């Protein structure tokens, strides 16, 4: 039985890879899928300066606010 990794949702594919760590094909499909989904992610600078620390704190506050709104809504 051959699995179609391309059609699997990411949660199922991740679970499969964790259970079948020697399946290189599944691993590479998962890696490609994760890389593709991270393209739209926001990348923040390392908080190594006061300015970057402020940017990081603001981003965290915004995410916390979004989480609270989702819980209320």
PDB file of N, CA and C in Angstrom:
ATOM      1  N   UNK A   1       0.841  -1.182   0.000  1.00  0.00           N
ATOM      2  CA  UNK A   1       0.000   0.000   0.000  1.00  0.00           C
ATOM      3  C   UNK A   1       0.882   1.239   0.000  1.00  0.00           C
ATOM      4  N   UNK A   2       0.667   2.100  -0.968  1.00  0.00           N
ATOM      5  CA  UNK A   2       1.451   3.319  -1.086  1.00  0.00           C
ATOM      6  C   UNK A   2       0.605   4.505  -0.633  1.00  0.00           C
ATOM      7  N   UNK A   3       1.164   5.328   0.230  1.00  0.00           N
ATOM      8  CA  UNK A   3       0.441   6.492   0.728  1.00  0.00           C
ATOM      9  C   UNK A   3       0.694   7.688  -0.173  1.00  0.00           C
ATOM     10  N   UNK A   4      -0.302   8.548  -0.312  1.00  0.00           N
ATOM     11  CA  UNK A   4      -0.160   9.767  -1.089  1.00  0.00           C
ATOM     12  C   UNK A   4       0.104  10.910  -0.113  1.00  0.00           C
ATOM     13  N   UNK A   5       1.368  11.224   0.101  1.00  0.00           N
ATOM     14  CA  UNK A   5       1.751  12.232   1.081  1.00  0.00           C
ATOM     15  C   UNK A   5       1.305  13.626   0.672  1.00  0.00           C
ATOM     16  N   UNK A   6       1.215  13.877  -0.623  1.00  0.00           N
ATOM     17  CA  UNK A   6       0.830  15.200  -1.107  1.00  0.00           C
ATOM     18  C   UNK A   6      -0.608  15.527  -0.715  1.00  0.00           C
ATOM     19  N   UNK A   7      -1.464  14.522  -0.678  1.00  0.00           N
ATOM     20  CA  UNK A   7      -2.867  14.748  -0.343  1.00  0.00           C
ATOM     21  C   UNK A   7      -3.136  14.715   1.161  1.00  0.00           C
ATOM     22  N   UNK A   8      -2.183  14.273   1.963  1.00  0.00           N
ATOM     23  CA  UNK A   8      -2.382  14.214   3.413  1.00  0.00           C
ATOM     24  C   UNK A   8      -2.355  15.619   3.996  1.00  0.00           C
ATOM     25  N   UNK A   9      -3.201  15.866   5.017  1.00  0.00           N
ATOM     26  CA  UNK A   9      -3.113  17.153   5.691  1.00  0.00           C
ATOM     27  C   UNK A   9      -1.844  17.168   6.538  1.00  0.00           C
ATOM     28  N   UNK A  10      -1.406  18.347   6.909  1.00  0.00           N
ATOM     29  CA  UNK A  10      -0.100  18.492   7.558  1.00  0.00           C
ATOM     30  C   UNK A  10      -0.047  17.769   8.906  1.00  0.00           C
ATOM     31  N   UNK A  11      -1.156  17.755   9.640  1.00  0.00           N
ATOM     32  CA  UNK A  11      -1.186  17.070  10.940  1.00  0.00           C
ATOM     33  C   UNK A  11      -0.982  15.566  10.769  1.00  0.00           C
ATOM     34  N   UNK A  12      -1.669  14.985   9.795  1.00  0.00           N
ATOM     35  CA  UNK A  12      -1.532  13.547   9.538  1.00  0.00           C
ATOM     36  C   UNK A  12      -0.142  13.211   9.019  1.00  0.00           C
ATOM     37  N   UNK A  13       0.371  14.072   8.149  1.00  0.00           N
ATOM     38  CA  UNK A  13       1.706  13.843   7.602  1.00  0.00           C
ATOM     39  C   UNK A  13       2.764  13.920   8.696  1.00  0.00           C
ATOM     40  N   UNK A  14       2.636  14.894   9.591  1.00  0.00           N
ATOM     41  CA  UNK A  14       3.584  15.023  10.707  1.00  0.00           C
ATOM     42  C   UNK A  14       3.533  13.777  11.587  1.00  0.00           C
ATOM     43  N   UNK A  15       2.327  13.305  11.890  1.00  0.00           N
ATOM     44  CA  UNK A  15       2.182  12.099  12.715  1.00  0.00           C
ATOM     45  C   UNK A  15       2.801  10.896  12.015  1.00  0.00           C
ATOM     46  N   UNK A  16       2.588  10.793  10.705  1.00  0.00           N
ATOM     47  CA  UNK A  16       3.167   9.680   9.948  1.00  0.00           C
ATOM     48  C   UNK A  16       4.690   9.726  10.002  1.00  0.00           C
ATOM     49  N   UNK A  17       5.264  10.910   9.795  1.00  0.00           N
ATOM     50  CA  UNK A  17       6.728  11.042   9.807  1.00  0.00           C
ATOM     51  C   UNK A  17       7.284  10.685  11.182  1.00  0.00           C
ATOM     52  N   UNK A  18       6.605  11.093  12.239  1.00  0.00           N
ATOM     53  CA  UNK A  18       7.078  10.753  13.582  1.00  0.00           C
ATOM     54  C   UNK A  18       7.028   9.250  13.836  1.00  0.00           C
ATOM     55  N   UNK A  19       6.044   8.576  13.262  1.00  0.00           N
ATOM     56  CA  UNK A  19       5.936   7.124  13.422  1.00  0.00           C
ATOM     57  C   UNK A  19       6.834   6.346  12.466  1.00  0.00           C
ATOM     58  N   UNK A  20       7.242   6.983  11.369  1.00  0.00           N
ATOM     59  CA  UNK A  20       8.036   6.318  10.324  1.00  0.00           C
ATOM     60  C   UNK A  20       9.252   7.171   9.990  1.00  0.00           C
ATOM     61  N   UNK A  21      10.135   7.311  10.940  1.00  0.00           N
ATOM     62  CA  UNK A  21      11.267   8.233  10.821  1.00  0.00           C
ATOM     63  C   UNK A  21      12.242   7.886   9.702  1.00  0.00           C
ATOM     64  N   UNK A  22      12.209   6.692   9.189  1.00  0.00           N
ATOM     65  CA  UNK A  22      13.116   6.310   8.099  1.00  0.00           C
ATOM     66  C   UNK A  22      12.516   6.537   6.716  1.00  0.00           C
ATOM     67  N   UNK A  23      11.302   7.040   6.653  1.00  0.00           N
ATOM     68  CA  UNK A  23      10.649   7.285   5.365  1.00  0.00           C
ATOM     69  C   UNK A  23      11.074   8.663   4.852  1.00  0.00           C
ATOM     70  N   UNK A  24      12.133   8.672   4.044  1.00  0.00           N
ATOM     71  CA  UNK A  24      12.686   9.931   3.545  1.00  0.00           C
ATOM     72  C   UNK A  24      11.702  10.695   2.665  1.00  0.00           C
ATOM     73  N   UNK A  25      10.950   9.981   1.846  1.00  0.00           N
ATOM     74  CA  UNK A  25      10.005  10.659   0.951  1.00  0.00           C
ATOM     75  C   UNK A  25       8.988  11.466   1.759  1.00  0.00           C
ATOM     76  N   UNK A  26       8.432  10.859   2.792  1.00  0.00           N
ATOM     77  CA  UNK A  26       7.450  11.551   3.628  1.00  0.00           C
ATOM     78  C   UNK A  26       8.094  12.736   4.332  1.00  0.00           C
ATOM     79  N   UNK A  27       9.308  12.555   4.814  1.00  0.00           N
ATOM     80  CA  UNK A  27      10.010  13.640   5.493  1.00  0.00           C
ATOM     81  C   UNK A  27      10.193  14.838   4.571  1.00  0.00           C
ATOM     82  N   UNK A  28      10.632  14.584   3.335  1.00  0.00           N
ATOM     83  CA  UNK A  28      10.878  15.687   2.408  1.00  0.00           C
ATOM     84  C   UNK A  28       9.583  16.375   1.980  1.00  0.00           C
ATOM     85  N   UNK A  29       8.506  15.625   1.848  1.00  0.00           N
ATOM     86  CA  UNK A  29       7.216  16.246   1.538  1.00  0.00           C
ATOM     87  C   UNK A  29       6.798  17.148   2.696  1.00  0.00           C
ATOM     88  N   UNK A  30       6.972  16.665   3.927  1.00  0.00           N
ATOM     89  CA  UNK A  30       6.639  17.473   5.102  1.00  0.00           C
ATOM     90  C   UNK A  30       7.512  18.719   5.170  1.00  0.00           C
ATOM     91  N   UNK A  31       8.812  18.565   4.952  1.00  0.00           N
ATOM     92  CA  UNK A  31       9.719  19.716   4.990  1.00  0.00           C
ATOM     93  C   UNK A  31       9.335  20.751   3.939  1.00  0.00           C
ATOM     94  N   UNK A  32       9.012  20.305   2.739  1.00  0.00           N
ATOM     95  CA  UNK A  32       8.592  21.230   1.684  1.00  0.00           C
ATOM     96  C   UNK A  32       7.299  21.948   2.061  1.00  0.00           C
ATOM     97  N   UNK A  33       6.374  21.204   2.642  1.00  0.00           N
ATOM     98  CA  UNK A  33       5.091  21.799   3.028  1.00  0.00           C
ATOM     99  C   UNK A  33       5.285  22.831   4.133  1.00  0.00           C
ATOM    100  N   UNK A  34       6.135  22.522   5.122  1.00  0.00           N
ATOM    101  CA  UNK A  34       6.388  23.473   6.202  1.00  0.00           C
ATOM    102  C   UNK A  34       7.095  24.718   5.682  1.00  0.00           C
ATOM    103  N   UNK A  35       8.034  24.524   4.774  1.00  0.00           N
ATOM    104  CA  UNK A  35       8.744  25.669   4.193  1.00  0.00           C
ATOM    105  C   UNK A  35       7.780  26.555   3.415  1.00  0.00           C
ATOM    106  N   UNK A  36       6.893  25.957   2.651  1.00  0.00           N
ATOM    107  CA  UNK A  36       5.928  26.726   1.859  1.00  0.00           C
ATOM    108  C   UNK A  36       4.969  27.499   2.758  1.00  0.00           C
ATOM    109  N   UNK A  37       4.575  26.904   3.882  1.00  0.00           N
ATOM    110  CA  UNK A  37       3.634  27.588   4.771  1.00  0.00           C
ATOM    111  C   UNK A  37       4.309  28.689   5.574  1.00  0.00           C
ATOM    112  N   UNK A  38       5.633  28.657   5.673  1.00  0.00           N
ATOM    113  CA  UNK A  38       6.333  29.681   6.442  1.00  0.00           C
ATOM    114  C   UNK A  38       6.644  30.920   5.614  1.00  0.00           C
ATOM    115  N   UNK A  39       6.382  30.883   4.307  1.00  0.00           N
ATOM    116  CA  UNK A  39       6.666  32.030   3.445  1.00  0.00           C
ATOM    117  C   UNK A  39       5.870  33.246   3.890  1.00  0.00           C
ATOM    118  N   UNK A  40       4.644  33.035   4.345  1.00  0.00           N
ATOM    119  CA  UNK A  40       3.803  34.153   4.757  1.00  0.00           C
ATOM    120  C   UNK A  40       4.011  34.544   6.221  1.00  0.00           C
ATOM    121  N   UNK A  41       4.915  33.893   6.909  1.00  0.00           N
ATOM    122  CA  UNK A  41       5.169  34.191   8.311  1.00  0.00           C
ATOM    123  C   UNK A  41       5.960  35.482   8.462  1.00  0.00           C
ATOM    124  N   UNK A  42       5.722  36.170   9.562  1.00  0.00           N
ATOM    125  CA  UNK A  42       6.465  37.378   9.867  1.00  0.00           C
ATOM    126  C   UNK A  42       7.741  36.999  10.596  1.00  0.00           C
ATOM    127  N   UNK A  43       8.852  37.538  10.145  1.00  0.00           N
ATOM    128  CA  UNK A  43      10.136  37.281  10.779  1.00  0.00           C
ATOM    129  C   UNK A  43      10.545  38.542  11.532  1.00  0.00           C
ATOM    130  N   UNK A  44      10.826  38.383  12.809  1.00  0.00           N
ATOM    131  CA  UNK A  44      11.207  39.514  13.641  1.00  0.00           C
ATOM    132  C   UNK A  44      12.707  39.483  13.901  1.00  0.00           C
ATOM    133  N   UNK A  45      13.302  40.658  14.105  1.00  0.00           N
ATOM    134  CA  UNK A  45      14.739  40.696  14.386  1.00  0.00           C
ATOM    135  C   UNK A  45      15.033  40.137  15.776  1.00  0.00           C
ATOM    136  N   UNK A  46      16.258  39.701  15.948  1.00  0.00           N
ATOM    137  CA  UNK A  46      16.704  39.223  17.256  1.00  0.00           C
ATOM    138  C   UNK A  46      16.635  40.390  18.244  1.00  0.00           C
ATOM    139  N   UNK A  47      16.043  40.194  19.426  1.00  0.00           N
ATOM    140  CA  UNK A  47      15.915  41.304  20.373  1.00  0.00           C
ATOM    141  C   UNK A  47      17.231  41.610  21.097  1.00  0.00           C
ATOM    142  N   UNK A  48      18.230  42.032  20.315  1.00  0.00           N
ATOM    143  CA  UNK A  48      19.544  42.296  20.897  1.00  0.00           C
ATOM    144  C   UNK A  48      19.819  43.780  21.114  1.00  0.00           C
ATOM    145  N   UNK A  49      18.896  44.636  20.739  1.00  0.00           N
ATOM    146  CA  UNK A  49      19.024  46.077  20.985  1.00  0.00           C
ATOM    147  C   UNK A  49      17.719  46.545  21.625  1.00  0.00           C
ATOM    148  N   UNK A  50      17.748  47.684  22.286  1.00  0.00           N
ATOM    149  CA  UNK A  50      16.500  48.190  22.883  1.00  0.00           C
ATOM    150  C   UNK A  50      15.381  48.367  21.845  1.00  0.00           C
ATOM    151  N   UNK A  51      15.745  48.807  20.641  1.00  0.00           N
ATOM    152  CA  UNK A  51      14.738  48.984  19.590  1.00  0.00           C
ATOM    153  C   UNK A  51      14.131  47.639  19.177  1.00  0.00           C
ATOM    154  N   UNK A  52      14.979  46.642  18.969  1.00  0.00           N
ATOM    155  CA  UNK A  52      14.485  45.321  18.582  1.00  0.00           C
ATOM    156  C   UNK A  52      13.692  44.667  19.709  1.00  0.00           C
ATOM    157  N   UNK A  53      14.085  44.907  20.939  1.00  0.00           N
ATOM    158  CA  UNK A  53      13.343  44.386  22.084  1.00  0.00           C
ATOM    159  C   UNK A  53      11.940  44.991  22.118  1.00  0.00           C
ATOM    160  N   UNK A  54      11.841  46.287  21.846  1.00  0.00           N
ATOM    161  CA  UNK A  54      10.533  46.951  21.810  1.00  0.00           C
ATOM    162  C   UNK A  54       9.665  46.376  20.691  1.00  0.00           C
ATOM    163  N   UNK A  55      10.267  46.105  19.533  1.00  0.00           N
ATOM    164  CA  UNK A  55       9.528  45.507  18.418  1.00  0.00           C
ATOM    165  C   UNK A  55       8.988  44.139  18.825  1.00  0.00           C
ATOM    166  N   UNK A  56       9.816  43.342  19.475  1.00  0.00           N
ATOM    167  CA  UNK A  56       9.406  42.005  19.898  1.00  0.00           C
ATOM    168  C   UNK A  56       8.289  42.082  20.944  1.00  0.00           C
ATOM    169  N   UNK A  57       8.429  42.979  21.914  1.00  0.00           N
ATOM    170  CA  UNK A  57       7.394  43.120  22.936  1.00  0.00           C
ATOM    171  C   UNK A  57       6.065  43.539  22.317  1.00  0.00           C
ATOM    172  N   UNK A  58       6.112  44.452  21.353  1.00  0.00           N
ATOM    173  CA  UNK A  58       4.890  44.896  20.675  1.00  0.00           C
ATOM    174  C   UNK A  58       4.240  43.735  19.916  1.00  0.00           C
ATOM    175  N   UNK A  59       5.046  42.946  19.239  1.00  0.00           N
ATOM    176  CA  UNK A  59       4.521  41.805  18.486  1.00  0.00           C
ATOM    177  C   UNK A  59       3.865  40.795  19.424  1.00  0.00           C
ATOM    178  N   UNK A  60       4.474  40.555  20.565  1.00  0.00           N
ATOM    179  CA  UNK A  60       3.905  39.617  21.540  1.00  0.00           C
ATOM    180  C   UNK A  60       2.573  40.142  22.065  1.00  0.00           C
ATOM    181  N   UNK A  61       2.527  41.433  22.390  1.00  0.00           N
ATOM    182  CA  UNK A  61       1.283  42.025  22.880  1.00  0.00           C
ATOM    183  C   UNK A  61       0.169  41.917  21.833  1.00  0.00           C
ATOM    184  N   UNK A  62       0.513  42.154  20.560  1.00  0.00           N
ATOM    185  CA  UNK A  62      -0.480  42.041  19.492  1.00  0.00           C
ATOM    186  C   UNK A  62      -1.000  40.608  19.376  1.00  0.00           C
ATOM    187  N   UNK A  63      -0.092  39.627  19.446  1.00  0.00           N
ATOM    188  CA  UNK A  63      -0.512  38.223  19.358  1.00  0.00           C
ATOM    189  C   UNK A  63      -1.390  37.839  20.544  1.00  0.00           C
ATOM    190  N   UNK A  64      -1.028  38.326  21.738  1.00  0.00           N
ATOM    191  CA  UNK A  64      -1.847  38.035  22.910  1.00  0.00           C
ATOM    192  C   UNK A  64      -3.232  38.649  22.764  1.00  0.00           C
ATOM    193  N   UNK A  65      -3.284  39.864  22.236  1.00  0.00           N
ATOM    194  CA  UNK A  65      -4.572  40.516  22.005  1.00  0.00           C
ATOM    195  C   UNK A  65      -5.418  39.749  21.011  1.00  0.00           C
ATOM    196  N   UNK A  66      -4.799  39.234  19.962  1.00  0.00           N
ATOM    197  CA  UNK A  66      -5.522  38.449  18.962  1.00  0.00           C
ATOM    198  C   UNK A  66      -6.054  37.161  19.582  1.00  0.00           C
ATOM    199  N   UNK A  67      -5.256  36.534  20.435  1.00  0.00           N
ATOM    200  CA  UNK A  67      -5.689  35.291  21.080  1.00  0.00           C
ATOM    201  C   UNK A  67      -6.881  35.540  21.992  1.00  0.00           C
ATOM    202  N   UNK A  68      -6.842  36.635  22.721  1.00  0.00           N
ATOM    203  CA  UNK A  68      -7.941  36.969  23.627  1.00  0.00           C
ATOM    204  C   UNK A  68      -9.210  37.249  22.836  1.00  0.00           C
ATOM    205  N   UNK A  69      -9.078  37.970  21.724  1.00  0.00           N
ATOM    206  CA  UNK A  69     -10.243  38.267  20.887  1.00  0.00           C
ATOM    207  C   UNK A  69     -10.855  36.987  20.313  1.00  0.00           C
ATOM    208  N   UNK A  70     -10.017  36.032  19.917  1.00  0.00           N
ATOM    209  CA  UNK A  70     -10.520  34.768  19.378  1.00  0.00           C
ATOM    210  C   UNK A  70     -11.286  33.993  20.446  1.00  0.00           C
ATOM    211  N   UNK A  71     -10.779  34.045  21.692  1.00  0.00           N
ATOM    212  CA  UNK A  71     -11.438  33.319  22.773  1.00  0.00           C
ATOM    213  C   UNK A  71     -12.792  33.940  23.098  1.00  0.00           C
ATOM    214  N   UNK A  72     -12.884  35.267  23.018  1.00  0.00           N
ATOM    215  CA  UNK A  72     -14.137  35.965  23.306  1.00  0.00           C
ATOM    216  C   UNK A  72     -15.140  35.812  22.170  1.00  0.00           C
ATOM    217  N   UNK A  73     -14.608  35.776  20.933  1.00  0.00           N
ATOM    218  CA  UNK A  73     -15.472  35.796  19.746  1.00  0.00           C
ATOM    219  C   UNK A  73     -15.992  34.480  19.409  1.00  0.00           C
TER     220      UNK A  73
END
